[in-house]
Amino acid sequence: MLHYLTLLGILVCGTALRLIQLERKPLWVDEIFTALFSLGTGFDRVPLEQLIPLSDVPNLLALNPTATCPDIARTLAEQSTHPPLFFCLMHRWLVELDGLPISLTFQLRAFAVLFGVGAIALIYLLNRLAFSPQAGLIGSAIVAFSPFGVYQSQEARHYTLPVFLIALSLILLLQMGRDIEKERLRQWIWGSWAMVNAIGFYTHYFCLIAFVAQILTLIALLYKTQSRFLLPATFFSLLPLILFSPWFPTLVEHFTSPKTSWLPPPQHITPLLQTLLAMALMVVIPPVENQPLWIIIPLSACSLLFLFWAIQQILPRFKTLIRNPKTHQATFILSSFIAWTLLQFLVIVYLLQKDITSAPRYSFLYYPAFCALLGASFSQRKWNLRGKLSPRLPISPSPRLSILSPRLLILLGISLASSLCVVFNLAFQKPYHPLTVARQLNTAPASLVMVMGYNDTLPISLGLSYALALEQIRTQKEDDFLIFLNNEKGYDRVWENISQDVRNPQNLWIFAPGLLKEQYPQKIDLNSGTQCLFDPAQYYRIGIPYQGYSCR
């Protein structure tokens, strides 16, 4: 009874962490993408080359309840580089919540929370089946308090659903490993594994990487045991690809799209260091973003000391998992999955010259396996220097090695503190900082016009993000406007369009992707007779440059 009450407490704590402050942080660029596609509209809903009243911007994110999944899939195929399933499910979720007194931001992010909490439960099941009930509790607690898990659950993005699916596929893969070991074939297990992976492909393209890692692990298991299941393994391995084949032409088109060119080329060993950093962020992240050096240095040093201590705790106990015949196969499967996933990362980084390690969020692929092994390691005993179990420790997991052990309380305490930093926007801060920009634009109550130069959908999404954040904190917005102007043929045309389309603002803010400070004009004469003068004190750069003008 106490065991399941502990599990319930872990689930409640994990849910609470993910719901705290859920709607306080404004939607950022990628979440605007999610909103537009999930609402069943897309970028066709956004007026271009015309003034949009600031108070009308929230109406651009209105639900289209008549949109169907094929409609959403067509929009994604044309305007994005993502598969459709997550957005179709999100649309159904928004339709069910339509009419309730809940903000759109909360609705969007709560969908990610749902699968983030589900992943906590699945890691418990994974470790319980693979190792022990105690390992299940510890693994689920690590996920519940993980700052990386909290961060992804508070993002209206398609990451917690793939984490959920990958965790489920690993549970099925472990059962397949037992089938191979016992020379039996439960077709429903193998078929379920194939279906879960196929669903993953339609959720996030990177699930293909996780699938390849599972295939290579399965091949290693077949080779180690000299199994006779080569033919059924081949069939069930091809089945997800067959089910995904209708979307494959779109995948090829998305892969070659210029929209994927934002990933930088690798810089020497930087991807390796970024991979280690991504693993560290799963358990600890100090609040050092945009802080002075006197805060960054001591907090970073303390985090490094904690990581050094954690590694000392984990490595000898990981040996226990490898050497124990009862846990060897499960440890091999999870470790092999992580290794093959990371190897594919390096292939993408150094052969395709796309550094996906520069975005820590992509470590969601091996996050379930990493947390499972971490939880299993902390449930084990320590090997002494001679390679034998310490005689002072019990032979099997016991309550003394439970979630109340001092070393585990230290780990969970540090993770909890890190998660609270995420919740209160001290860590994993939203890219492009929409709230910071909105506050800078809101320094004066006088009327303003936001001008966003664009040549693709990214600046449009960015402009909507800033405008929504500003609209939420602006008290007087009757004379405030947003306008998107195409800069594909250069900014001279943008300056002309500003003169023609903008009337009599007291403040003009120009967001100009790719423009240097000295390239902004010193003054802009509006056709209405108003003159807007360059303000040297109002130049900023957060992702893209933007310049303030005083008009009179």
Protein backbone atom coordinates (compact mmCIF):
# COMPACT_ATOMS: atom_id res chain seq x y z
CA MET A 1 0.00 0.00 0.00
CA LEU A 2 2.80 2.41 0.94
CA HIS A 3 4.48 1.66 -2.39
CA TYR A 4 1.49 2.81 -4.42
CA LEU A 5 0.84 5.81 -2.19
CA THR A 6 4.44 6.84 -2.89
CA LEU A 7 3.84 6.47 -6.62
CA LEU A 8 0.67 8.55 -6.32
CA GLY A 9 2.60 11.25 -4.46
CA ILE A 10 5.26 11.29 -7.18
CA LEU A 11 2.59 11.70 -9.87
CA VAL A 12 0.89 14.49 -7.92
CA CYS A 13 4.19 16.35 -7.37
CA GLY A 14 5.17 15.92 -11.02
CA THR A 15 1.78 17.22 -12.16
CA ALA A 16 1.91 20.21 -9.81
CA LEU A 17 5.40 21.18 -10.99
CA ARG A 18 4.21 21.14 -14.60
CA LEU A 19 1.06 23.18 -13.93
CA ILE A 20 2.59 25.94 -11.79
CA GLN A 21 2.93 29.20 -13.73
CA LEU A 22 1.84 27.36 -16.87
CA GLU A 23 0.23 30.36 -18.56
CA ARG A 24 2.32 33.16 -17.08
CA LYS A 25 5.04 33.06 -19.73
CA PRO A 26 3.97 34.35 -23.17
CA LEU A 27 3.88 32.04 -26.16
CA TRP A 28 7.16 32.13 -28.07
CA VAL A 29 7.84 31.59 -31.77
CA ASP A 30 7.58 27.80 -31.96
CA GLU A 31 4.49 27.79 -29.78
CA ILE A 32 2.84 30.25 -32.17
CA PHE A 33 3.51 27.72 -34.94
CA THR A 34 1.84 25.06 -32.81
CA ALA A 35 -1.14 27.30 -32.12
CA LEU A 36 -1.77 28.30 -35.75
CA PHE A 37 -1.61 24.74 -37.07
CA SER A 38 -3.47 23.14 -34.17
CA LEU A 39 -6.26 25.70 -34.35
CA GLY A 40 -6.87 24.58 -37.92
CA THR A 41 -5.89 27.86 -39.58
CA GLY A 42 -2.21 28.22 -40.45
CA PHE A 43 -0.48 31.39 -41.64
CA ASP A 44 -3.18 32.13 -44.20
CA ARG A 45 -5.15 33.61 -41.29
CA VAL A 46 -2.55 36.35 -40.69
CA PRO A 47 -3.11 39.61 -42.66
CA LEU A 48 0.05 40.86 -44.38
CA GLU A 49 0.99 44.30 -45.74
CA GLN A 50 -1.77 45.98 -43.71
CA LEU A 51 -2.18 47.46 -40.25
CA ILE A 52 -3.55 45.08 -37.64
CA PRO A 53 -4.97 46.68 -34.45
CA LEU A 54 -3.10 45.30 -31.47
CA SER A 55 -6.39 44.41 -29.78
CA ASP A 56 -7.25 42.20 -32.79
CA VAL A 57 -4.10 40.08 -32.61
CA PRO A 58 -5.58 37.49 -30.17
CA ASN A 59 -8.42 36.97 -32.67
CA LEU A 60 -5.86 35.69 -35.19
CA LEU A 61 -5.50 32.68 -32.89
CA ALA A 62 -9.14 31.65 -33.01
CA LEU A 63 -10.22 28.02 -33.27
CA ASN A 64 -11.56 26.68 -36.54
CA PRO A 65 -13.71 23.80 -35.21
CA THR A 66 -14.61 22.59 -38.71
CA ALA A 67 -10.99 21.87 -39.68
CA THR A 68 -10.25 18.17 -40.22
CA CYS A 69 -7.03 16.22 -39.79
CA PRO A 70 -6.51 16.06 -43.60
CA ASP A 71 -6.91 19.86 -43.69
CA ILE A 72 -4.27 20.27 -40.98
CA ALA A 73 -1.98 17.78 -42.74
CA ARG A 74 -2.20 19.72 -46.02
CA THR A 75 -1.40 22.99 -44.24
CA LEU A 76 1.60 21.42 -42.50
CA ALA A 77 2.84 19.91 -45.76
CA GLU A 78 2.82 23.37 -47.35
CA GLN A 79 3.81 25.69 -44.50
CA SER A 80 5.87 23.61 -42.06
CA THR A 81 8.36 20.76 -41.72
CA HIS A 82 6.48 18.55 -39.28
CA PRO A 83 4.28 15.45 -39.50
CA PRO A 84 0.58 15.95 -38.68
CA LEU A 85 -0.49 13.63 -35.85
CA PHE A 86 0.41 15.84 -32.87
CA PHE A 87 -1.37 18.84 -34.39
CA CYS A 88 -4.45 16.77 -35.23
CA LEU A 89 -4.64 15.50 -31.66
CA MET A 90 -4.07 19.00 -30.31
CA HIS A 91 -6.90 20.30 -32.51
CA ARG A 92 -9.25 17.68 -31.10
CA TRP A 93 -8.13 18.69 -27.59
CA LEU A 94 -8.84 22.38 -28.30
CA VAL A 95 -12.27 21.57 -29.73
CA GLU A 96 -13.17 19.67 -26.54
CA LEU A 97 -12.02 22.61 -24.37
CA ASP A 98 -13.67 25.25 -26.54
CA GLY A 99 -15.97 27.48 -24.56
CA LEU A 100 -14.37 26.82 -21.19
CA PRO A 101 -13.01 29.85 -19.25
CA ILE A 102 -9.41 28.78 -19.85
CA SER A 103 -6.79 30.83 -21.69
CA LEU A 104 -5.47 29.56 -25.01
CA THR A 105 -1.94 29.47 -23.58
CA PHE A 106 -3.05 27.15 -20.78
CA GLN A 107 -4.99 24.93 -23.18
CA LEU A 108 -2.05 24.54 -25.54
CA ARG A 109 0.50 23.77 -22.84
CA ALA A 110 -1.81 21.54 -20.81
CA PHE A 111 -1.83 19.09 -23.72
CA ALA A 112 1.95 18.73 -23.34
CA VAL A 113 1.55 18.39 -19.56
CA LEU A 114 -0.83 15.47 -20.10
CA PHE A 115 1.83 13.38 -21.85
CA GLY A 116 4.60 14.68 -19.58
CA VAL A 117 2.77 13.22 -16.59
CA GLY A 118 2.02 10.07 -18.59
CA ALA A 119 5.76 9.64 -19.16
CA ILE A 120 6.31 9.62 -15.38
CA ALA A 121 3.93 6.66 -15.09
CA LEU A 122 5.53 4.85 -18.04
CA ILE A 123 9.05 5.16 -16.60
CA TYR A 124 7.70 3.62 -13.42
CA LEU A 125 6.30 0.71 -15.44
CA LEU A 126 9.49 0.42 -17.51
CA ASN A 127 11.77 0.17 -14.49
CA ARG A 128 9.39 -2.06 -12.55
CA LEU A 129 9.31 -4.58 -15.40
CA ALA A 130 13.02 -4.28 -16.18
CA PHE A 131 14.54 -4.05 -12.70
CA SER A 132 12.38 -3.83 -9.57
CA PRO A 133 9.44 -1.94 -8.00
CA GLN A 134 11.93 0.28 -6.15
CA ALA A 135 13.69 1.11 -9.40
CA GLY A 136 10.28 2.00 -10.80
CA LEU A 137 9.59 4.48 -8.02
CA ILE A 138 13.04 6.06 -8.25
CA GLY A 139 12.91 6.33 -12.04
CA SER A 140 9.48 7.95 -11.95
CA ALA A 141 10.65 10.39 -9.25
CA ILE A 142 13.65 11.40 -11.34
CA VAL A 143 11.36 12.15 -14.31
CA ALA A 144 8.82 13.95 -12.09
CA PHE A 145 11.46 16.36 -10.73
CA SER A 146 13.61 16.57 -13.86
CA PRO A 147 14.06 20.20 -14.98
CA PHE A 148 14.26 19.01 -18.58
CA GLY A 149 10.96 17.11 -18.19
CA VAL A 150 9.28 20.13 -16.59
CA TYR A 151 10.60 22.43 -19.32
CA GLN A 152 9.27 20.25 -22.15
CA SER A 153 5.93 19.74 -20.40
CA GLN A 154 5.48 23.52 -20.17
CA GLU A 155 6.08 23.99 -23.89
CA ALA A 156 3.19 23.83 -26.35
CA ARG A 157 5.33 21.68 -28.61
CA HIS A 158 5.43 18.11 -29.85
CA TYR A 159 8.06 16.69 -27.49
CA THR A 160 6.29 15.11 -24.51
CA LEU A 161 4.13 12.96 -26.80
CA PRO A 162 7.21 11.42 -28.52
CA VAL A 163 8.81 10.92 -25.08
CA PHE A 164 5.65 9.06 -24.03
CA LEU A 165 5.71 6.94 -27.21
CA ILE A 166 9.45 6.18 -26.96
CA ALA A 167 9.05 5.10 -23.33
CA LEU A 168 6.17 2.83 -24.38
CA SER A 169 8.19 1.39 -27.27
CA LEU A 170 11.10 0.65 -24.89
CA ILE A 171 8.73 -1.24 -22.57
CA LEU A 172 7.63 -3.35 -25.53
CA LEU A 173 11.23 -3.78 -26.70
CA LEU A 174 12.16 -5.15 -23.28
CA GLN A 175 9.31 -7.68 -23.58
CA MET A 176 10.57 -8.60 -27.05
CA GLY A 177 14.03 -9.17 -25.56
CA ARG A 178 12.51 -11.59 -23.07
CA ASP A 179 10.69 -13.35 -25.90
CA ILE A 180 13.98 -13.78 -27.72
CA GLU A 181 15.67 -15.07 -24.57
CA LYS A 182 12.87 -17.59 -23.90
CA GLU A 183 12.45 -18.57 -27.58
CA ARG A 184 8.80 -17.58 -27.68
CA LEU A 185 6.93 -15.11 -29.89
CA ARG A 186 4.02 -13.03 -28.60
CA GLN A 187 2.80 -11.44 -31.81
CA TRP A 188 0.67 -8.86 -30.02
CA ILE A 189 3.79 -7.52 -28.26
CA TRP A 190 5.78 -7.27 -31.48
CA GLY A 191 2.82 -5.83 -33.39
CA SER A 192 2.17 -3.24 -30.67
CA TRP A 193 5.83 -2.23 -30.82
CA ALA A 194 5.56 -1.70 -34.58
CA MET A 195 2.35 0.35 -34.21
CA VAL A 196 3.78 2.58 -31.46
CA ASN A 197 6.81 3.37 -33.61
CA ALA A 198 4.63 4.12 -36.64
CA ILE A 199 2.59 6.53 -34.52
CA GLY A 200 5.87 8.11 -33.43
CA PHE A 201 6.87 8.75 -37.06
CA TYR A 202 3.65 10.68 -37.60
CA THR A 203 4.33 12.66 -34.40
CA HIS A 204 7.95 13.75 -34.87
CA TYR A 205 10.41 12.90 -37.64
CA PHE A 206 13.20 12.33 -35.11
CA CYS A 207 11.32 9.27 -33.87
CA LEU A 208 12.90 7.61 -36.92
CA ILE A 209 16.24 7.99 -35.12
CA ALA A 210 14.84 6.28 -32.04
CA PHE A 211 13.42 3.51 -34.23
CA VAL A 212 16.77 2.86 -35.93
CA ALA A 213 18.41 2.67 -32.48
CA GLN A 214 15.81 0.10 -31.42
CA ILE A 215 16.34 -1.92 -34.63
CA LEU A 216 20.10 -2.03 -34.10
CA THR A 217 19.56 -3.06 -30.47
CA LEU A 218 17.16 -5.79 -31.64
CA ILE A 219 19.75 -7.05 -34.14
CA ALA A 220 22.34 -7.21 -31.36
CA LEU A 221 19.94 -9.24 -29.20
CA LEU A 222 19.24 -11.66 -32.04
CA TYR A 223 22.97 -12.07 -32.66
CA LYS A 224 23.84 -12.60 -28.99
CA THR A 225 21.21 -15.30 -28.51
CA GLN A 226 21.48 -16.84 -32.00
CA SER A 227 17.70 -16.54 -32.11
CA ARG A 228 15.50 -18.14 -34.76
CA PHE A 229 13.24 -15.05 -34.83
CA LEU A 230 15.06 -13.29 -37.69
CA LEU A 231 12.11 -13.52 -40.10
CA PRO A 232 9.41 -12.17 -37.74
CA ALA A 233 11.84 -9.52 -36.52
CA THR A 234 12.37 -8.39 -40.12
CA PHE A 235 8.62 -8.26 -40.77
CA PHE A 236 7.76 -6.27 -37.64
CA SER A 237 10.71 -3.94 -38.27
CA LEU A 238 9.48 -3.12 -41.78
CA LEU A 239 5.86 -2.70 -40.71
CA PRO A 240 6.26 0.85 -39.22
CA LEU A 241 7.99 2.02 -42.41
CA ILE A 242 5.18 0.55 -44.52
CA LEU A 243 2.58 2.33 -42.40
CA PHE A 244 4.53 5.59 -42.75
CA SER A 245 5.04 5.28 -46.51
CA PRO A 246 2.05 7.53 -47.48
CA TRP A 247 3.78 10.47 -45.79
CA PHE A 248 7.29 9.61 -47.00
CA PRO A 249 7.25 11.96 -50.07
CA THR A 250 6.35 14.84 -47.74
CA LEU A 251 9.19 13.84 -45.42
CA VAL A 252 11.67 14.04 -48.31
CA GLU A 253 10.28 17.45 -49.30
CA HIS A 254 10.54 18.71 -45.71
CA PHE A 255 14.07 17.34 -45.30
CA THR A 256 15.29 19.35 -48.31
CA SER A 257 13.34 22.49 -47.35
CA PRO A 258 15.28 25.71 -46.65
CA LYS A 259 13.31 25.91 -43.39
CA THR A 260 15.62 23.24 -41.92
CA SER A 261 18.74 25.27 -42.69
CA TRP A 262 18.70 27.03 -39.30
CA LEU A 263 20.85 24.29 -37.73
CA PRO A 264 24.48 25.49 -37.65
CA PRO A 265 27.46 23.43 -38.83
CA PRO A 266 29.48 21.74 -36.07
CA GLN A 267 32.40 23.48 -34.39
CA HIS A 268 35.13 20.93 -33.61
CA ILE A 269 34.26 19.02 -30.41
CA THR A 270 31.50 21.43 -29.38
CA PRO A 271 28.73 18.90 -30.25
CA LEU A 272 30.29 16.38 -27.86
CA LEU A 273 30.33 18.94 -25.05
CA GLN A 274 26.76 19.98 -25.86
CA THR A 275 25.67 16.33 -25.67
CA LEU A 276 27.15 16.02 -22.18
CA LEU A 277 25.48 19.29 -21.22
CA ALA A 278 22.11 18.02 -22.46
CA MET A 279 22.45 14.96 -20.22
CA ALA A 280 23.34 17.16 -17.25
CA LEU A 281 20.29 19.36 -17.87
CA MET A 282 18.07 16.35 -17.29
CA VAL A 283 18.89 16.53 -13.58
CA VAL A 284 20.25 20.01 -12.86
CA ILE A 285 20.21 23.48 -14.39
CA PRO A 286 21.50 26.52 -12.50
CA PRO A 287 19.71 29.89 -12.96
CA VAL A 288 22.58 31.51 -14.87
CA GLU A 289 20.83 32.78 -18.02
CA ASN A 290 21.32 36.53 -18.55
CA GLN A 291 23.02 36.87 -15.17
CA PRO A 292 26.27 38.68 -14.19
CA LEU A 293 29.50 36.72 -13.83
CA TRP A 294 29.45 36.91 -10.04
CA ILE A 295 26.29 34.77 -10.15
CA ILE A 296 27.22 32.56 -13.12
CA ILE A 297 30.61 31.42 -11.83
CA PRO A 298 29.67 30.15 -8.33
CA LEU A 299 26.38 28.56 -9.46
CA SER A 300 28.09 26.82 -12.39
CA ALA A 301 30.89 25.61 -10.09
CA CYS A 302 28.35 24.20 -7.62
CA SER A 303 26.54 22.43 -10.47
CA LEU A 304 29.80 20.88 -11.67
CA LEU A 305 30.59 19.65 -8.15
CA PHE A 306 27.12 18.12 -7.92
CA LEU A 307 27.55 16.39 -11.30
CA PHE A 308 30.94 15.03 -10.25
CA TRP A 309 29.36 13.64 -7.08
CA ALA A 310 26.44 12.17 -9.06
CA ILE A 311 28.79 10.41 -11.51
CA GLN A 312 30.68 8.89 -8.57
CA GLN A 313 27.37 7.57 -7.26
CA ILE A 314 26.12 6.27 -10.59
CA LEU A 315 29.08 4.51 -12.23
CA PRO A 316 29.78 1.83 -9.61
CA ARG A 317 26.08 1.08 -9.30
CA PHE A 318 25.73 0.89 -13.06
CA LYS A 319 28.32 -1.93 -12.89
CA THR A 320 25.90 -3.77 -10.64
CA LEU A 321 23.21 -3.58 -13.30
CA ILE A 322 25.55 -4.84 -16.01
CA ARG A 323 27.05 -7.72 -13.98
CA ASN A 324 23.84 -8.95 -12.39
CA PRO A 325 22.35 -11.68 -14.65
CA LYS A 326 18.83 -10.63 -13.65
CA THR A 327 19.29 -7.04 -14.86
CA HIS A 328 21.93 -7.51 -17.57
CA GLN A 329 19.60 -7.79 -20.55
CA ALA A 330 17.44 -4.77 -19.62
CA THR A 331 20.55 -2.69 -18.94
CA PHE A 332 22.02 -3.77 -22.27
CA ILE A 333 18.84 -2.83 -24.16
CA LEU A 334 18.56 0.65 -22.64
CA SER A 335 22.30 1.35 -22.89
CA SER A 336 22.43 0.12 -26.48
CA PHE A 337 19.45 2.32 -27.37
CA ILE A 338 21.17 5.40 -25.94
CA ALA A 339 24.49 4.56 -27.64
CA TRP A 340 22.95 4.03 -31.08
CA THR A 341 20.88 7.20 -30.73
CA LEU A 342 23.96 9.27 -29.87
CA LEU A 343 25.92 7.68 -32.71
CA GLN A 344 23.21 8.77 -35.16
CA PHE A 345 23.40 12.27 -33.66
CA LEU A 346 27.11 12.36 -34.48
CA VAL A 347 26.46 11.15 -38.03
CA ILE A 348 23.92 13.95 -38.55
CA VAL A 349 26.26 16.49 -36.96
CA TYR A 350 29.54 15.64 -38.71
CA LEU A 351 28.41 14.07 -42.00
CA LEU A 352 25.28 16.12 -42.73
CA GLN A 353 26.83 19.22 -41.10
CA LYS A 354 23.70 19.95 -39.05
CA ASP A 355 24.47 20.39 -35.36
CA ILE A 356 21.28 19.11 -33.73
CA THR A 357 23.10 19.04 -30.38
CA SER A 358 22.93 22.85 -30.36
CA ALA A 359 19.26 22.49 -29.34
CA PRO A 360 19.13 20.54 -26.02
CA ARG A 361 15.43 19.79 -26.58
CA TYR A 362 16.33 17.11 -29.14
CA SER A 363 17.76 14.97 -26.38
CA PHE A 364 14.14 13.96 -25.75
CA LEU A 365 14.96 10.93 -27.92
CA TYR A 366 17.08 9.21 -25.28
CA TYR A 367 15.61 11.00 -22.25
CA PRO A 368 13.32 8.07 -21.18
CA ALA A 369 16.11 5.51 -21.37
CA PHE A 370 18.56 7.84 -19.59
CA CYS A 371 16.17 8.47 -16.69
CA ALA A 372 15.29 4.78 -16.48
CA LEU A 373 18.95 3.78 -16.17
CA LEU A 374 19.60 6.59 -13.71
CA GLY A 375 16.71 5.41 -11.53
CA ALA A 376 17.80 1.78 -11.79
CA SER A 377 21.38 2.71 -10.85
CA PHE A 378 20.27 4.54 -7.71
CA SER A 379 18.26 1.49 -6.67
CA GLN A 380 21.36 -0.75 -6.73
CA ARG A 381 24.18 -1.48 -4.37
CA LYS A 382 27.75 -0.34 -4.84
CA TRP A 383 30.66 -2.52 -6.00
CA ASN A 384 33.87 -2.28 -4.03
CA LEU A 385 37.30 -1.81 -5.55
CA ARG A 386 37.77 -5.57 -5.97
CA GLY A 387 34.66 -5.89 -8.09
CA LYS A 388 32.54 -7.50 -5.36
CA LEU A 389 29.40 -6.31 -3.68
CA SER A 390 29.95 -4.44 -0.47
CA PRO A 391 29.15 -6.81 2.44
CA ARG A 392 27.69 -3.95 4.43
CA LEU A 393 24.84 -3.55 1.95
CA PRO A 394 21.89 -5.91 1.58
CA ILE A 395 21.78 -8.42 -1.25
CA SER A 396 18.55 -7.08 -2.73
CA PRO A 397 16.87 -3.68 -2.84
CA SER A 398 15.23 -2.80 0.44
CA PRO A 399 13.40 0.15 1.98
CA ARG A 400 16.77 1.53 3.08
CA LEU A 401 17.64 1.90 -0.59
CA SER A 402 14.29 3.50 -1.36
CA ILE A 403 13.36 7.00 -2.29
CA LEU A 404 14.29 8.12 1.26
CA SER A 405 18.00 7.31 0.93
CA PRO A 406 20.20 10.38 1.54
CA ARG A 407 22.00 10.25 -1.81
CA LEU A 408 18.71 10.04 -3.67
CA LEU A 409 17.20 12.88 -1.65
CA ILE A 410 20.19 15.03 -2.65
CA LEU A 411 19.65 14.20 -6.33
CA LEU A 412 15.90 14.84 -6.20
CA GLY A 413 16.36 17.99 -4.12
CA ILE A 414 18.76 19.51 -6.65
CA SER A 415 16.43 18.51 -9.50
CA LEU A 416 13.43 20.01 -7.70
CA ALA A 417 15.27 23.30 -7.15
CA SER A 418 16.25 23.31 -10.83
CA SER A 419 12.66 22.62 -11.88
CA LEU A 420 11.43 25.56 -9.80
CA CYS A 421 13.97 27.72 -11.63
CA VAL A 422 12.39 26.56 -14.89
CA VAL A 423 8.87 27.22 -13.61
CA PHE A 424 9.70 30.77 -12.51
CA ASN A 425 11.56 31.59 -15.75
CA LEU A 426 15.06 31.60 -14.25
CA ALA A 427 16.22 28.72 -16.46
CA PHE A 428 15.26 27.37 -19.89
CA GLN A 429 14.00 30.85 -20.69
CA LYS A 430 11.79 31.28 -23.73
CA PRO A 431 13.85 31.97 -26.89
CA TYR A 432 13.55 35.48 -28.32
CA HIS A 433 12.29 36.60 -24.86
CA PRO A 434 8.80 37.85 -25.82
CA LEU A 435 8.04 39.24 -22.35
CA THR A 436 11.31 41.20 -22.22
CA VAL A 437 10.66 42.72 -25.65
CA ALA A 438 7.06 43.56 -24.73
CA ARG A 439 8.21 45.41 -21.62
CA GLN A 440 10.74 47.42 -23.63
CA LEU A 441 8.03 48.43 -26.09
CA ASN A 442 5.67 49.30 -23.24
CA THR A 443 7.94 51.83 -21.55
CA ALA A 444 5.81 54.71 -22.85
CA PRO A 445 1.98 54.81 -22.88
CA ALA A 446 1.95 56.77 -26.17
CA SER A 447 0.57 55.10 -29.30
CA LEU A 448 2.91 52.81 -31.21
CA VAL A 449 3.22 50.78 -34.38
CA MET A 450 5.23 47.55 -34.61
CA VAL A 451 6.72 46.86 -38.05
CA MET A 452 8.02 43.34 -38.69
CA GLY A 453 10.03 42.65 -41.84
CA TYR A 454 9.51 39.13 -43.17
CA ASN A 455 10.37 36.82 -46.06
CA ASP A 456 9.11 33.55 -44.56
CA THR A 457 6.88 32.37 -41.74
CA LEU A 458 9.43 32.64 -38.89
CA PRO A 459 9.33 36.47 -38.57
CA ILE A 460 5.53 36.35 -38.87
CA SER A 461 5.37 33.96 -35.93
CA LEU A 462 7.87 36.12 -34.05
CA GLY A 463 5.83 39.26 -34.66
CA LEU A 464 2.68 37.56 -33.38
CA SER A 465 4.56 36.38 -30.29
CA TYR A 466 5.74 39.91 -29.45
CA ALA A 467 2.36 41.45 -30.23
CA LEU A 468 0.51 38.96 -28.01
CA ALA A 469 2.91 39.57 -25.13
CA LEU A 470 2.53 43.34 -25.56
CA GLU A 471 -1.26 43.13 -25.83
CA GLN A 472 -1.43 41.32 -22.49
CA ILE A 473 0.47 44.01 -20.54
CA ARG A 474 -0.62 47.11 -22.48
CA THR A 475 -3.27 49.21 -20.73
CA GLN A 476 -4.03 51.66 -23.56
CA LYS A 477 -3.88 49.95 -26.94
CA GLU A 478 -6.63 51.57 -29.00
CA ASP A 479 -4.10 53.36 -31.24
CA ASP A 480 -1.50 50.55 -31.33
CA PHE A 481 -0.92 48.52 -34.49
CA LEU A 482 1.14 45.70 -35.95
CA ILE A 483 2.11 45.41 -39.61
CA PHE A 484 4.08 42.78 -41.54
CA LEU A 485 6.05 44.10 -44.53
CA ASN A 486 7.89 41.89 -47.02
CA ASN A 487 11.66 42.49 -47.08
CA GLU A 488 12.49 39.94 -49.78
CA LYS A 489 13.48 42.72 -52.21
CA GLY A 490 15.42 44.70 -49.62
CA TYR A 491 14.60 47.18 -46.91
CA ASP A 492 14.34 50.24 -49.19
CA ARG A 493 10.94 48.98 -50.16
CA VAL A 494 10.08 48.45 -46.49
CA TRP A 495 10.89 52.09 -45.70
CA GLU A 496 8.64 53.17 -48.59
CA ASN A 497 5.79 50.97 -47.38
CA ILE A 498 6.14 52.38 -43.86
CA SER A 499 5.81 55.89 -45.26
CA GLN A 500 2.67 54.92 -47.16
CA ASP A 501 0.88 52.63 -44.71
CA VAL A 502 1.72 54.00 -41.25
CA ARG A 503 -0.20 57.07 -40.14
CA ASN A 504 0.43 59.03 -36.91
CA PRO A 505 2.11 56.92 -34.20
CA GLN A 506 4.07 58.54 -31.41
CA ASN A 507 6.45 55.58 -31.31
CA LEU A 508 7.55 53.40 -34.22
CA TRP A 509 9.34 50.09 -33.65
CA ILE A 510 10.97 48.37 -36.62
CA PHE A 511 11.99 44.70 -36.37
CA ALA A 512 14.38 44.05 -39.25
CA PRO A 513 15.88 40.52 -39.45
CA GLY A 514 19.39 40.62 -40.91
CA LEU A 515 19.81 44.40 -40.65
CA LEU A 516 22.73 46.12 -38.89
CA LYS A 517 22.23 49.11 -36.60
CA GLU A 518 23.90 51.54 -39.01
CA GLN A 519 21.61 50.39 -41.82
CA TYR A 520 18.49 51.75 -40.14
CA PRO A 521 17.50 55.16 -41.63
CA GLN A 522 18.02 58.17 -39.39
CA LYS A 523 14.51 59.37 -40.09
CA ILE A 524 11.37 58.15 -41.80
CA ASP A 525 8.91 60.67 -43.25
CA LEU A 526 5.34 59.42 -43.22
CA ASN A 527 2.88 60.53 -45.92
CA SER A 528 0.60 61.80 -43.16
CA GLY A 529 3.17 64.52 -42.41
CA THR A 530 4.61 62.85 -39.33
CA GLN A 531 8.39 62.46 -39.06
CA CYS A 532 9.91 59.57 -37.09
CA LEU A 533 13.47 60.07 -35.81
CA PHE A 534 16.02 57.37 -35.01
CA ASP A 535 16.51 57.02 -31.24
CA PRO A 536 20.08 55.75 -30.51
CA ALA A 537 19.04 54.64 -27.01
CA GLN A 538 16.28 52.41 -28.37
CA TYR A 539 18.31 49.85 -30.33
CA TYR A 540 18.13 46.26 -29.14
CA ARG A 541 19.01 42.84 -30.41
CA ILE A 542 17.37 39.72 -28.98
CA GLY A 543 17.61 37.12 -31.70
CA ILE A 544 16.84 39.80 -34.29
CA PRO A 545 17.53 43.55 -34.20
CA TYR A 546 14.82 46.11 -33.53
CA GLN A 547 14.98 49.88 -33.41
CA GLY A 548 12.74 52.47 -31.80
CA TYR A 549 11.78 55.79 -33.44
CA SER A 550 10.19 58.85 -31.83
CA CYS A 551 7.56 60.41 -34.08
CA ARG A 552 6.17 63.94 -34.15
